[in-house]
Amino acid sequence: MTWRDLLFAHWTVPVETVEARLPDRLAVETFDGDAYLGVVPFRMEIGPAGLPGRLSFDELNLRTYVRGPDDGQGIYFFNLDADDPLGVTVARWLFRLPYYRAETEVTRTDDRVRFRSRRTHGDVPAARFDAEYGPDGPAFAPEPGSLEAFLVERYRFYTVDDRGRVYHGDIGHEPWSLRPARGRIRENGLFGANGFDHPGGEPTLHVAEPNRVTAGRIRRT
C-alpha cells in the first residue's frame, strides 16, 4: 500500500475518557500522563507500485494508543470510514476492524488538501468530517522518545471480536517523515459517533510525506 495526503490530528484527553470505551483486555497507553485521540484522513493506494490497476480510495479513522495483553504497543481503532464498499466488506471480515462505508470528496490545491467524508453505512451512528490542511514547516523525522514518535511510529493494531478474544495485526513501513501542519477542521462528527464528548483545546496537527506500507493477516494475541 501507499498512504498519501495524510493528516495526523491529535487531542489530549483524560485517561478515564479512553478507558471507558476500550475492551477489557486493552490498556490505555499515555505520554506524560495524557491519553490521546487521533483523527487521521488519508488516501490509500493498493497494488504493485508503478503498475496499472492499482486500487485507490480515501479513508478516515479515529484511534487511540494502547497496550495489548502481550504488553505490545499498538493502535485501537474506534472506526475506519472508507469510500470503497467492497474493501469495507473484506476488511470487516478479514481484519475484524470497524470499517464503515462512506462517501468522500477530496480536492488538492497546490500543497493543501480538502477532505470531506459522509458515512453511508446502515445501522450505525452518522458521522461527517470536513477539514482543510497543508504543511507549515520543514520536514523532520520524529525523535525516539518524543511525543511525535509516540503518536505515529506504531506498527501494530489490536482488535477484539464479539467473544472478547484479542487479535493483532502488524504493519511495516519506513519511519514517518512529518511536517508541522496548519489546518481548519470545519466539521468532525467522529467523536460523537463513538460516544465521546468533543475534546477541548486545539489539536496538534502534522502532515506526512507519502509512505509505502505492508500488512499481514491478523493473529490471535
N, C-alpha and C. Protein backbone atom coordinates (compact mmCIF):
# COMPACT_ATOMS: atom_id res chain seq x y z
N MET A 1 0.85 -1.19 0.00
CA MET A 1 0.00 0.00 0.00
C MET A 1 0.88 1.24 0.00
N THR A 2 0.33 2.34 -0.52
CA THR A 2 0.94 3.65 -0.34
C THR A 2 -0.09 4.54 0.33
N TRP A 3 0.30 5.21 1.40
CA TRP A 3 -0.56 6.16 2.09
C TRP A 3 -0.07 7.57 1.76
N ARG A 4 -0.99 8.45 1.31
CA ARG A 4 -0.60 9.80 0.94
C ARG A 4 -1.69 10.78 1.36
N ASP A 5 -1.38 12.08 1.28
CA ASP A 5 -2.30 13.15 1.69
C ASP A 5 -2.75 12.96 3.13
N LEU A 6 -1.85 12.53 3.99
CA LEU A 6 -2.22 12.09 5.33
C LEU A 6 -2.05 13.21 6.36
N LEU A 7 -3.08 13.38 7.17
CA LEU A 7 -3.07 14.31 8.30
C LEU A 7 -3.16 13.53 9.60
N PHE A 8 -2.31 13.87 10.57
CA PHE A 8 -2.45 13.41 11.94
C PHE A 8 -2.99 14.58 12.76
N ALA A 9 -4.19 14.44 13.31
CA ALA A 9 -4.77 15.45 14.20
C ALA A 9 -5.00 14.79 15.55
N HIS A 10 -4.35 15.30 16.59
CA HIS A 10 -4.39 14.65 17.91
C HIS A 10 -4.86 15.61 19.00
N TRP A 11 -5.72 15.08 19.86
CA TRP A 11 -6.21 15.80 21.03
C TRP A 11 -5.82 15.05 22.30
N THR A 12 -5.40 15.78 23.33
CA THR A 12 -5.18 15.16 24.64
C THR A 12 -6.52 15.01 25.35
N VAL A 13 -6.70 13.89 26.02
CA VAL A 13 -7.92 13.61 26.77
C VAL A 13 -7.56 12.90 28.06
N PRO A 14 -8.41 12.98 29.08
CA PRO A 14 -8.15 12.24 30.32
C PRO A 14 -8.11 10.74 30.07
N VAL A 15 -7.28 10.05 30.84
CA VAL A 15 -7.15 8.60 30.67
C VAL A 15 -8.49 7.91 30.83
N GLU A 16 -9.29 8.33 31.82
CA GLU A 16 -10.55 7.65 32.08
C GLU A 16 -11.53 7.81 30.91
N THR A 17 -11.39 8.87 30.12
CA THR A 17 -12.25 9.05 28.95
C THR A 17 -12.05 7.92 27.95
N VAL A 18 -10.79 7.55 27.72
CA VAL A 18 -10.49 6.46 26.79
C VAL A 18 -10.77 5.11 27.43
N GLU A 19 -10.41 4.95 28.70
CA GLU A 19 -10.64 3.67 29.38
C GLU A 19 -12.09 3.22 29.27
N ALA A 20 -13.00 4.16 29.39
CA ALA A 20 -14.42 3.81 29.38
C ALA A 20 -14.87 3.23 28.05
N ARG A 21 -14.10 3.44 26.98
CA ARG A 21 -14.51 3.00 25.64
C ARG A 21 -13.67 1.84 25.10
N LEU A 22 -12.72 1.34 25.91
CA LEU A 22 -11.85 0.26 25.45
C LEU A 22 -12.37 -1.11 25.88
N PRO A 23 -12.12 -2.15 25.08
CA PRO A 23 -12.37 -3.51 25.55
C PRO A 23 -11.54 -3.82 26.78
N ASP A 24 -12.00 -4.78 27.58
CA ASP A 24 -11.40 -5.05 28.89
C ASP A 24 -9.92 -5.39 28.83
N ARG A 25 -9.47 -6.08 27.82
CA ARG A 25 -8.10 -6.61 27.82
C ARG A 25 -7.09 -5.65 27.19
N LEU A 26 -7.53 -4.47 26.84
CA LEU A 26 -6.61 -3.45 26.33
C LEU A 26 -6.48 -2.33 27.35
N ALA A 27 -5.27 -1.80 27.50
CA ALA A 27 -4.99 -0.74 28.47
C ALA A 27 -4.57 0.52 27.75
N VAL A 28 -5.01 1.66 28.27
CA VAL A 28 -4.62 2.95 27.69
C VAL A 28 -3.12 3.13 27.84
N GLU A 29 -2.48 3.60 26.78
CA GLU A 29 -1.08 4.00 26.86
C GLU A 29 -1.02 5.52 26.84
N THR A 30 -0.20 6.09 27.71
CA THR A 30 -0.15 7.54 27.86
C THR A 30 1.24 8.08 27.55
N PHE A 31 1.27 9.39 27.32
CA PHE A 31 2.54 10.11 27.18
C PHE A 31 2.49 11.27 28.16
N ASP A 32 3.42 11.28 29.12
CA ASP A 32 3.44 12.30 30.19
C ASP A 32 2.09 12.40 30.89
N GLY A 33 1.44 11.25 31.07
CA GLY A 33 0.20 11.20 31.82
C GLY A 33 -1.06 11.46 31.03
N ASP A 34 -0.93 11.80 29.75
CA ASP A 34 -2.10 12.11 28.92
C ASP A 34 -2.41 10.96 27.98
N ALA A 35 -3.71 10.72 27.77
CA ALA A 35 -4.16 9.86 26.70
C ALA A 35 -4.42 10.72 25.47
N TYR A 36 -4.49 10.08 24.31
CA TYR A 36 -4.67 10.81 23.05
C TYR A 36 -5.73 10.14 22.19
N LEU A 37 -6.54 10.97 21.54
CA LEU A 37 -7.41 10.54 20.46
C LEU A 37 -6.91 11.18 19.17
N GLY A 38 -6.80 10.38 18.14
CA GLY A 38 -6.29 10.87 16.87
C GLY A 38 -7.28 10.67 15.74
N VAL A 39 -7.43 11.67 14.91
CA VAL A 39 -8.22 11.58 13.68
C VAL A 39 -7.25 11.63 12.51
N VAL A 40 -7.37 10.65 11.61
CA VAL A 40 -6.38 10.50 10.54
C VAL A 40 -7.10 10.29 9.21
N PRO A 41 -7.19 11.32 8.36
CA PRO A 41 -7.66 11.14 6.98
C PRO A 41 -6.47 10.94 6.03
N PHE A 42 -6.67 10.10 5.00
CA PHE A 42 -5.60 9.88 4.03
C PHE A 42 -6.15 9.14 2.81
N ARG A 43 -5.32 9.05 1.79
CA ARG A 43 -5.65 8.26 0.60
C ARG A 43 -4.84 6.97 0.64
N MET A 44 -5.52 5.87 0.37
CA MET A 44 -4.91 4.54 0.34
C MET A 44 -4.80 4.09 -1.11
N GLU A 45 -3.62 3.65 -1.51
CA GLU A 45 -3.42 3.04 -2.82
C GLU A 45 -2.87 1.64 -2.60
N ILE A 46 -3.49 0.66 -3.25
CA ILE A 46 -3.13 -0.74 -3.02
C ILE A 46 -2.75 -1.39 -4.34
N GLY A 47 -1.65 -2.13 -4.33
CA GLY A 47 -1.23 -2.85 -5.52
C GLY A 47 0.24 -2.62 -5.81
N PRO A 48 0.80 -3.33 -6.77
CA PRO A 48 2.22 -3.18 -7.10
C PRO A 48 2.52 -1.77 -7.59
N ALA A 49 3.53 -1.16 -7.02
CA ALA A 49 3.89 0.20 -7.40
C ALA A 49 4.29 0.25 -8.87
N GLY A 50 3.81 1.29 -9.57
CA GLY A 50 4.20 1.51 -10.95
C GLY A 50 3.46 0.68 -11.97
N LEU A 51 2.50 -0.16 -11.52
CA LEU A 51 1.76 -0.99 -12.45
C LEU A 51 0.31 -0.51 -12.54
N PRO A 52 -0.35 -0.71 -13.68
CA PRO A 52 -1.75 -0.30 -13.80
C PRO A 52 -2.66 -1.16 -12.93
N GLY A 53 -3.86 -0.66 -12.69
CA GLY A 53 -4.84 -1.44 -11.94
C GLY A 53 -4.76 -1.30 -10.44
N ARG A 54 -3.98 -0.33 -9.96
CA ARG A 54 -3.92 -0.11 -8.52
C ARG A 54 -5.25 0.41 -8.02
N LEU A 55 -5.69 -0.12 -6.89
CA LEU A 55 -6.92 0.31 -6.25
C LEU A 55 -6.61 1.51 -5.35
N SER A 56 -7.45 2.54 -5.39
CA SER A 56 -7.24 3.68 -4.51
C SER A 56 -8.58 4.13 -3.95
N PHE A 57 -8.57 4.54 -2.70
CA PHE A 57 -9.77 5.07 -2.05
C PHE A 57 -9.33 5.92 -0.87
N ASP A 58 -10.27 6.71 -0.34
CA ASP A 58 -9.97 7.59 0.79
C ASP A 58 -10.49 6.96 2.08
N GLU A 59 -9.76 7.21 3.16
CA GLU A 59 -10.08 6.59 4.45
C GLU A 59 -9.94 7.62 5.57
N LEU A 60 -10.73 7.42 6.61
CA LEU A 60 -10.75 8.33 7.76
C LEU A 60 -10.92 7.50 9.00
N ASN A 61 -10.03 7.66 9.99
CA ASN A 61 -10.18 6.86 11.20
C ASN A 61 -10.04 7.69 12.46
N LEU A 62 -10.65 7.16 13.51
CA LEU A 62 -10.49 7.67 14.88
C LEU A 62 -9.81 6.58 15.67
N ARG A 63 -8.73 6.92 16.37
CA ARG A 63 -7.89 5.91 17.00
C ARG A 63 -7.36 6.41 18.33
N THR A 64 -6.84 5.47 19.12
CA THR A 64 -6.13 5.80 20.35
C THR A 64 -4.97 4.83 20.50
N TYR A 65 -4.23 4.94 21.59
CA TYR A 65 -2.97 4.21 21.75
C TYR A 65 -3.05 3.34 22.99
N VAL A 66 -2.69 2.06 22.82
CA VAL A 66 -2.97 1.06 23.84
C VAL A 66 -1.79 0.13 24.03
N ARG A 67 -1.86 -0.59 25.17
CA ARG A 67 -1.03 -1.76 25.41
C ARG A 67 -1.91 -2.98 25.32
N GLY A 68 -1.43 -3.99 24.61
CA GLY A 68 -2.18 -5.23 24.48
C GLY A 68 -1.90 -6.18 25.62
N PRO A 69 -2.61 -7.30 25.68
CA PRO A 69 -2.37 -8.29 26.74
C PRO A 69 -0.99 -8.94 26.63
N ASP A 70 -0.33 -8.79 25.48
CA ASP A 70 1.05 -9.25 25.31
C ASP A 70 2.04 -8.16 25.65
N ASP A 71 1.56 -7.02 26.19
CA ASP A 71 2.35 -5.84 26.54
C ASP A 71 2.92 -5.14 25.31
N GLY A 72 2.37 -5.44 24.14
CA GLY A 72 2.79 -4.74 22.94
C GLY A 72 2.17 -3.36 22.85
N GLN A 73 2.87 -2.45 22.18
CA GLN A 73 2.36 -1.11 21.93
C GLN A 73 1.58 -1.11 20.62
N GLY A 74 0.41 -0.51 20.62
CA GLY A 74 -0.36 -0.54 19.39
C GLY A 74 -1.43 0.53 19.31
N ILE A 75 -2.23 0.41 18.28
CA ILE A 75 -3.35 1.30 17.99
C ILE A 75 -4.64 0.53 18.19
N TYR A 76 -5.64 1.22 18.71
CA TYR A 76 -7.00 0.69 18.72
C TYR A 76 -7.88 1.65 17.93
N PHE A 77 -8.59 1.11 16.94
CA PHE A 77 -9.44 1.92 16.08
C PHE A 77 -10.88 1.89 16.58
N PHE A 78 -11.46 3.07 16.74
CA PHE A 78 -12.88 3.16 17.05
C PHE A 78 -13.72 3.12 15.77
N ASN A 79 -13.18 3.63 14.69
CA ASN A 79 -13.84 3.50 13.40
C ASN A 79 -12.83 3.74 12.28
N LEU A 80 -13.14 3.15 11.12
CA LEU A 80 -12.41 3.41 9.89
C LEU A 80 -13.46 3.56 8.80
N ASP A 81 -13.68 4.78 8.33
CA ASP A 81 -14.66 5.06 7.30
C ASP A 81 -13.95 5.12 5.95
N ALA A 82 -14.45 4.39 4.96
CA ALA A 82 -13.74 4.29 3.68
C ALA A 82 -14.70 4.34 2.52
N ASP A 83 -14.25 4.97 1.45
CA ASP A 83 -15.04 5.13 0.23
C ASP A 83 -14.74 3.97 -0.72
N ASP A 84 -15.02 2.75 -0.25
CA ASP A 84 -14.77 1.56 -1.05
C ASP A 84 -15.64 0.43 -0.49
N PRO A 85 -16.85 0.27 -0.99
CA PRO A 85 -17.78 -0.71 -0.41
C PRO A 85 -17.22 -2.13 -0.34
N LEU A 86 -16.56 -2.59 -1.41
CA LEU A 86 -16.01 -3.93 -1.39
C LEU A 86 -14.90 -4.05 -0.36
N GLY A 87 -14.01 -3.04 -0.34
CA GLY A 87 -12.91 -3.06 0.63
C GLY A 87 -13.41 -3.06 2.06
N VAL A 88 -14.47 -2.31 2.33
CA VAL A 88 -15.04 -2.28 3.68
C VAL A 88 -15.53 -3.67 4.07
N THR A 89 -16.24 -4.33 3.17
CA THR A 89 -16.76 -5.66 3.45
C THR A 89 -15.63 -6.65 3.72
N VAL A 90 -14.61 -6.62 2.88
CA VAL A 90 -13.48 -7.54 3.05
C VAL A 90 -12.73 -7.25 4.35
N ALA A 91 -12.47 -5.96 4.64
CA ALA A 91 -11.70 -5.61 5.83
C ALA A 91 -12.45 -5.97 7.11
N ARG A 92 -13.77 -5.80 7.11
CA ARG A 92 -14.55 -6.18 8.30
C ARG A 92 -14.45 -7.67 8.56
N TRP A 93 -14.43 -8.46 7.49
CA TRP A 93 -14.36 -9.91 7.64
C TRP A 93 -12.93 -10.39 7.89
N LEU A 94 -11.98 -9.85 7.15
CA LEU A 94 -10.62 -10.36 7.19
C LEU A 94 -9.84 -9.85 8.40
N PHE A 95 -10.05 -8.57 8.77
CA PHE A 95 -9.25 -7.97 9.84
C PHE A 95 -10.05 -7.68 11.11
N ARG A 96 -11.37 -7.95 11.09
CA ARG A 96 -12.22 -7.74 12.27
C ARG A 96 -12.14 -6.30 12.77
N LEU A 97 -12.04 -5.37 11.83
CA LEU A 97 -11.94 -3.96 12.18
C LEU A 97 -13.26 -3.25 11.90
N PRO A 98 -13.54 -2.15 12.66
CA PRO A 98 -14.81 -1.43 12.50
C PRO A 98 -14.80 -0.50 11.29
N TYR A 99 -14.74 -1.11 10.11
CA TYR A 99 -14.82 -0.34 8.86
C TYR A 99 -16.28 -0.03 8.54
N TYR A 100 -16.52 1.20 8.03
CA TYR A 100 -17.85 1.61 7.64
C TYR A 100 -17.79 2.26 6.25
N ARG A 101 -18.84 2.06 5.49
CA ARG A 101 -18.93 2.68 4.16
C ARG A 101 -19.15 4.18 4.29
N ALA A 102 -18.51 4.93 3.42
CA ALA A 102 -18.63 6.39 3.43
C ALA A 102 -18.47 6.92 2.02
N GLU A 103 -18.97 8.12 1.79
CA GLU A 103 -18.71 8.86 0.56
C GLU A 103 -17.73 9.97 0.89
N THR A 104 -16.70 10.10 0.10
CA THR A 104 -15.69 11.13 0.35
C THR A 104 -15.52 12.00 -0.88
N GLU A 105 -15.06 13.20 -0.63
CA GLU A 105 -14.69 14.14 -1.69
C GLU A 105 -13.39 14.80 -1.26
N VAL A 106 -12.36 14.62 -2.06
CA VAL A 106 -11.04 15.14 -1.72
C VAL A 106 -10.54 15.98 -2.89
N THR A 107 -10.14 17.21 -2.59
CA THR A 107 -9.58 18.10 -3.60
C THR A 107 -8.21 18.57 -3.14
N ARG A 108 -7.34 18.82 -4.10
CA ARG A 108 -5.98 19.24 -3.81
C ARG A 108 -5.67 20.52 -4.59
N THR A 109 -5.19 21.53 -3.88
CA THR A 109 -4.80 22.80 -4.49
C THR A 109 -3.40 23.13 -4.00
N ASP A 110 -2.44 23.07 -4.91
CA ASP A 110 -1.03 23.23 -4.54
C ASP A 110 -0.69 22.22 -3.45
N ASP A 111 -0.28 22.69 -2.27
CA ASP A 111 0.10 21.74 -1.22
C ASP A 111 -0.98 21.57 -0.16
N ARG A 112 -2.20 22.00 -0.46
CA ARG A 112 -3.29 21.89 0.50
C ARG A 112 -4.33 20.87 0.05
N VAL A 113 -4.92 20.21 1.05
CA VAL A 113 -5.91 19.15 0.82
C VAL A 113 -7.21 19.54 1.51
N ARG A 114 -8.32 19.38 0.81
CA ARG A 114 -9.66 19.49 1.41
C ARG A 114 -10.25 18.08 1.43
N PHE A 115 -10.55 17.58 2.62
CA PHE A 115 -11.02 16.20 2.79
C PHE A 115 -12.39 16.23 3.43
N ARG A 116 -13.39 15.70 2.72
CA ARG A 116 -14.76 15.64 3.23
C ARG A 116 -15.26 14.20 3.19
N SER A 117 -15.94 13.80 4.24
CA SER A 117 -16.43 12.43 4.34
C SER A 117 -17.82 12.43 4.96
N ARG A 118 -18.70 11.56 4.42
CA ARG A 118 -20.04 11.37 4.98
C ARG A 118 -20.31 9.88 5.06
N ARG A 119 -20.54 9.37 6.27
CA ARG A 119 -20.78 7.95 6.45
C ARG A 119 -22.12 7.55 5.84
N THR A 120 -22.12 6.44 5.10
CA THR A 120 -23.35 5.94 4.47
C THR A 120 -23.71 4.54 4.97
N HIS A 121 -22.93 3.99 5.85
CA HIS A 121 -23.14 2.64 6.38
C HIS A 121 -24.44 2.62 7.17
N GLY A 122 -25.25 1.59 6.98
CA GLY A 122 -26.51 1.49 7.69
C GLY A 122 -26.36 0.98 9.11
N ASP A 123 -27.33 1.33 9.97
CA ASP A 123 -27.44 0.81 11.34
C ASP A 123 -26.27 1.19 12.24
N VAL A 124 -25.59 2.29 11.94
CA VAL A 124 -24.55 2.82 12.82
C VAL A 124 -24.73 4.33 12.89
N PRO A 125 -24.20 4.99 13.93
CA PRO A 125 -24.37 6.44 14.03
C PRO A 125 -23.79 7.17 12.81
N ALA A 126 -24.46 8.23 12.42
CA ALA A 126 -23.97 9.05 11.31
C ALA A 126 -22.69 9.77 11.72
N ALA A 127 -21.86 10.09 10.74
CA ALA A 127 -20.62 10.81 11.01
C ALA A 127 -20.20 11.58 9.77
N ARG A 128 -19.93 12.86 9.95
CA ARG A 128 -19.41 13.70 8.88
C ARG A 128 -18.08 14.31 9.31
N PHE A 129 -17.25 14.60 8.32
CA PHE A 129 -15.95 15.20 8.58
C PHE A 129 -15.62 16.12 7.42
N ASP A 130 -15.06 17.28 7.74
CA ASP A 130 -14.69 18.26 6.72
C ASP A 130 -13.49 19.03 7.23
N ALA A 131 -12.36 18.89 6.57
CA ALA A 131 -11.13 19.57 7.01
C ALA A 131 -10.31 19.98 5.81
N GLU A 132 -9.57 21.06 6.01
CA GLU A 132 -8.58 21.53 5.04
C GLU A 132 -7.25 21.63 5.74
N TYR A 133 -6.18 21.13 5.10
CA TYR A 133 -4.89 21.11 5.79
C TYR A 133 -3.75 21.11 4.78
N GLY A 134 -2.58 21.52 5.29
CA GLY A 134 -1.38 21.55 4.48
C GLY A 134 -0.17 21.79 5.36
N PRO A 135 1.04 21.66 4.81
CA PRO A 135 2.26 21.80 5.60
C PRO A 135 2.51 23.24 6.04
N ASP A 136 3.18 23.36 7.17
CA ASP A 136 3.50 24.69 7.71
C ASP A 136 4.88 24.65 8.35
N GLY A 137 5.83 24.03 7.68
CA GLY A 137 7.18 23.95 8.21
C GLY A 137 7.97 22.86 7.53
N PRO A 138 9.26 22.77 7.82
CA PRO A 138 10.11 21.79 7.15
C PRO A 138 9.85 20.37 7.65
N ALA A 139 10.21 19.41 6.82
CA ALA A 139 10.07 18.01 7.17
C ALA A 139 11.06 17.62 8.26
N PHE A 140 10.65 16.67 9.10
CA PHE A 140 11.54 16.16 10.15
C PHE A 140 11.17 14.72 10.44
N ALA A 141 12.13 13.99 10.99
CA ALA A 141 11.90 12.62 11.44
C ALA A 141 11.66 12.64 12.95
N PRO A 142 10.59 12.04 13.45
CA PRO A 142 10.34 12.05 14.89
C PRO A 142 11.50 11.42 15.67
N GLU A 143 11.92 12.11 16.71
CA GLU A 143 13.00 11.60 17.55
C GLU A 143 12.47 10.50 18.46
N PRO A 144 13.22 9.40 18.64
CA PRO A 144 12.79 8.37 19.58
C PRO A 144 12.52 8.97 20.97
N GLY A 145 11.42 8.58 21.57
CA GLY A 145 11.06 9.10 22.88
C GLY A 145 10.26 10.39 22.85
N SER A 146 10.07 10.98 21.65
CA SER A 146 9.33 12.23 21.55
C SER A 146 7.83 11.94 21.46
N LEU A 147 7.03 12.99 21.67
CA LEU A 147 5.59 12.85 21.52
C LEU A 147 5.24 12.43 20.10
N GLU A 148 5.90 13.02 19.11
CA GLU A 148 5.59 12.68 17.72
C GLU A 148 5.84 11.20 17.45
N ALA A 149 6.93 10.66 17.96
CA ALA A 149 7.21 9.24 17.77
C ALA A 149 6.16 8.38 18.46
N PHE A 150 5.74 8.79 19.67
CA PHE A 150 4.70 8.06 20.40
C PHE A 150 3.41 7.99 19.57
N LEU A 151 3.07 9.07 18.90
CA LEU A 151 1.80 9.16 18.19
C LEU A 151 1.81 8.45 16.84
N VAL A 152 2.93 8.45 16.14
CA VAL A 152 2.89 7.99 14.75
C VAL A 152 3.68 6.72 14.48
N GLU A 153 4.71 6.43 15.27
CA GLU A 153 5.52 5.26 14.98
C GLU A 153 4.90 4.03 15.65
N ARG A 154 3.84 3.55 15.05
CA ARG A 154 3.06 2.43 15.58
C ARG A 154 3.00 1.35 14.50
N TYR A 155 3.37 0.13 14.87
CA TYR A 155 3.47 -0.93 13.88
C TYR A 155 2.59 -2.13 14.20
N ARG A 156 1.61 -1.92 15.07
CA ARG A 156 0.67 -2.98 15.44
C ARG A 156 -0.68 -2.36 15.76
N PHE A 157 -1.74 -3.04 15.38
CA PHE A 157 -3.08 -2.65 15.83
C PHE A 157 -3.72 -3.84 16.54
N TYR A 158 -4.64 -3.53 17.43
CA TYR A 158 -5.38 -4.55 18.15
C TYR A 158 -6.86 -4.44 17.82
N THR A 159 -7.53 -5.58 17.82
CA THR A 159 -8.96 -5.61 17.65
C THR A 159 -9.52 -6.76 18.48
N VAL A 160 -10.79 -6.68 18.80
CA VAL A 160 -11.42 -7.65 19.70
C VAL A 160 -12.71 -8.13 19.06
N ASP A 161 -12.94 -9.46 19.08
CA ASP A 161 -14.16 -9.99 18.47
C ASP A 161 -15.31 -10.00 19.46
N ASP A 162 -16.46 -10.50 19.03
CA ASP A 162 -17.66 -10.48 19.86
C ASP A 162 -17.55 -11.35 21.10
N ARG A 163 -16.59 -12.26 21.13
CA ARG A 163 -16.38 -13.14 22.29
C ARG A 163 -15.28 -12.63 23.21
N GLY A 164 -14.77 -11.43 22.93
CA GLY A 164 -13.74 -10.85 23.78
C GLY A 164 -12.34 -11.32 23.49
N ARG A 165 -12.14 -12.05 22.41
CA ARG A 165 -10.80 -12.52 22.06
C ARG A 165 -10.04 -11.40 21.35
N VAL A 166 -8.78 -11.22 21.74
CA VAL A 166 -7.96 -10.14 21.20
C VAL A 166 -7.12 -10.67 20.04
N TYR A 167 -7.08 -9.88 18.97
CA TYR A 167 -6.24 -10.17 17.82
C TYR A 167 -5.34 -8.97 17.55
N HIS A 168 -4.24 -9.23 16.86
CA HIS A 168 -3.38 -8.12 16.45
C HIS A 168 -2.93 -8.31 15.02
N GLY A 169 -2.66 -7.20 14.37
CA GLY A 169 -2.08 -7.19 13.04
C GLY A 169 -0.85 -6.30 13.04
N ASP A 170 0.16 -6.71 12.31
CA ASP A 170 1.40 -5.94 12.23
C ASP A 170 1.56 -5.34 10.84
N ILE A 171 2.12 -4.14 10.80
CA ILE A 171 2.41 -3.46 9.54
C ILE A 171 3.88 -3.10 9.49
N GLY A 172 4.36 -2.83 8.30
CA GLY A 172 5.75 -2.42 8.14
C GLY A 172 5.86 -1.22 7.21
N HIS A 173 6.70 -0.27 7.58
CA HIS A 173 6.97 0.87 6.70
C HIS A 173 8.21 1.60 7.22
N GLU A 174 8.77 2.46 6.39
CA GLU A 174 9.86 3.31 6.83
C GLU A 174 9.34 4.30 7.87
N PRO A 175 10.20 4.81 8.76
CA PRO A 175 9.74 5.84 9.71
C PRO A 175 9.10 7.00 8.97
N TRP A 176 8.12 7.61 9.62
CA TRP A 176 7.41 8.71 9.00
C TRP A 176 8.29 9.94 8.84
N SER A 177 8.09 10.65 7.75
CA SER A 177 8.64 11.99 7.59
C SER A 177 7.48 12.96 7.76
N LEU A 178 7.52 13.75 8.83
CA LEU A 178 6.41 14.64 9.20
C LEU A 178 6.75 16.09 8.90
N ARG A 179 5.71 16.89 8.80
CA ARG A 179 5.85 18.34 8.75
C ARG A 179 4.79 18.95 9.66
N PRO A 180 5.14 20.01 10.39
CA PRO A 180 4.07 20.72 11.12
C PRO A 180 3.00 21.13 10.11
N ALA A 181 1.74 21.18 10.58
CA ALA A 181 0.65 21.50 9.66
C ALA A 181 -0.18 22.65 10.19
N ARG A 182 -0.82 23.33 9.28
CA ARG A 182 -1.86 24.28 9.62
C ARG A 182 -3.12 23.81 8.93
N GLY A 183 -4.23 23.96 9.59
CA GLY A 183 -5.45 23.47 9.00
C GLY A 183 -6.68 23.99 9.72
N ARG A 184 -7.81 23.70 9.15
CA ARG A 184 -9.09 24.08 9.71
C ARG A 184 -10.02 22.88 9.62
N ILE A 185 -10.51 22.43 10.77
CA ILE A 185 -11.47 21.34 10.80
C ILE A 185 -12.85 21.96 10.95
N ARG A 186 -13.58 21.98 9.85
CA ARG A 186 -14.89 22.63 9.82
C ARG A 186 -15.96 21.78 10.51
N GLU A 187 -15.86 20.47 10.37
CA GLU A 187 -16.87 19.56 10.94
C GLU A 187 -16.17 18.26 11.31
N ASN A 188 -16.52 17.72 12.47
CA ASN A 188 -15.92 16.46 12.91
C ASN A 188 -16.92 15.73 13.80
N GLY A 189 -17.65 14.81 13.18
CA GLY A 189 -18.65 14.04 13.93
C GLY A 189 -18.16 12.72 14.44
N LEU A 190 -16.87 12.43 14.33
CA LEU A 190 -16.37 11.13 14.74
C LEU A 190 -16.42 10.92 16.25
N PHE A 191 -16.16 11.97 17.01
CA PHE A 191 -16.19 11.81 18.47
C PHE A 191 -17.60 11.44 18.94
N GLY A 192 -18.58 12.22 18.52
CA GLY A 192 -19.95 11.94 18.93
C GLY A 192 -20.43 10.58 18.47
N ALA A 193 -20.05 10.18 17.26
CA ALA A 193 -20.48 8.89 16.73
C ALA A 193 -19.91 7.72 17.53
N ASN A 194 -18.82 7.96 18.26
CA ASN A 194 -18.20 6.92 19.06
C ASN A 194 -18.39 7.10 20.57
N GLY A 195 -19.32 7.98 20.94
CA GLY A 195 -19.66 8.13 22.35
C GLY A 195 -18.77 9.04 23.15
N PHE A 196 -17.96 9.87 22.47
CA PHE A 196 -17.08 10.81 23.15
C PHE A 196 -17.66 12.22 23.07
N ASP A 197 -17.46 13.01 24.12
CA ASP A 197 -17.61 14.45 24.00
C ASP A 197 -16.43 14.97 23.18
N HIS A 198 -16.65 16.07 22.46
CA HIS A 198 -15.54 16.62 21.68
C HIS A 198 -14.50 17.19 22.64
N PRO A 199 -13.23 16.78 22.51
CA PRO A 199 -12.19 17.28 23.42
C PRO A 199 -12.06 18.80 23.31
N GLY A 200 -11.69 19.41 24.42
CA GLY A 200 -11.41 20.84 24.40
C GLY A 200 -10.03 21.12 23.84
N GLY A 201 -9.79 22.37 23.52
CA GLY A 201 -8.48 22.78 23.03
C GLY A 201 -8.29 22.47 21.56
N GLU A 202 -7.20 23.01 21.03
CA GLU A 202 -6.86 22.81 19.64
C GLU A 202 -6.05 21.53 19.46
N PRO A 203 -6.24 20.85 18.35
CA PRO A 203 -5.45 19.64 18.12
C PRO A 203 -4.02 19.96 17.70
N THR A 204 -3.14 19.00 17.91
CA THR A 204 -1.80 19.05 17.35
C THR A 204 -1.87 18.45 15.95
N LEU A 205 -1.37 19.20 14.95
CA LEU A 205 -1.52 18.80 13.56
C LEU A 205 -0.15 18.53 12.92
N HIS A 206 -0.08 17.43 12.19
CA HIS A 206 1.08 17.11 11.36
C HIS A 206 0.57 16.53 10.06
N VAL A 207 1.26 16.85 8.97
CA VAL A 207 1.05 16.13 7.71
C VAL A 207 2.26 15.24 7.48
N ALA A 208 2.04 14.18 6.68
CA ALA A 208 3.09 13.20 6.46
C ALA A 208 3.39 13.07 4.98
N GLU A 209 4.67 12.84 4.68
CA GLU A 209 5.05 12.52 3.33
C GLU A 209 4.50 11.13 2.97
N PRO A 210 4.25 10.84 1.68
CA PRO A 210 3.77 9.51 1.31
C PRO A 210 4.69 8.41 1.84
N ASN A 211 4.07 7.28 2.22
CA ASN A 211 4.83 6.18 2.79
C ASN A 211 4.28 4.87 2.25
N ARG A 212 5.18 3.95 1.90
CA ARG A 212 4.78 2.62 1.44
C ARG A 212 4.67 1.69 2.65
N VAL A 213 3.58 0.94 2.68
CA VAL A 213 3.22 0.15 3.86
C VAL A 213 2.90 -1.27 3.42
N THR A 214 3.32 -2.24 4.21
CA THR A 214 2.91 -3.62 4.03
C THR A 214 2.16 -4.09 5.26
N ALA A 215 1.22 -5.00 5.07
CA ALA A 215 0.42 -5.52 6.19
C ALA A 215 0.18 -7.00 5.98
N GLY A 216 0.21 -7.75 7.08
CA GLY A 216 -0.09 -9.18 7.03
C GLY A 216 -1.44 -9.45 7.64
N ARG A 217 -1.79 -10.73 7.74
CA ARG A 217 -3.07 -11.11 8.32
C ARG A 217 -3.04 -10.93 9.84
N ILE A 218 -4.23 -10.88 10.45
CA ILE A 218 -4.27 -10.75 11.90
C ILE A 218 -4.04 -12.12 12.55
N ARG A 219 -3.59 -12.08 13.81
CA ARG A 219 -3.31 -13.29 14.59
C ARG A 219 -3.93 -13.15 15.97
N ARG A 220 -4.29 -14.27 16.56
CA ARG A 220 -4.79 -14.26 17.92
C ARG A 220 -3.67 -13.85 18.86
N THR A 221 -3.96 -12.89 19.76
CA THR A 221 -2.93 -12.39 20.66
C THR A 221 -2.83 -13.31 21.87
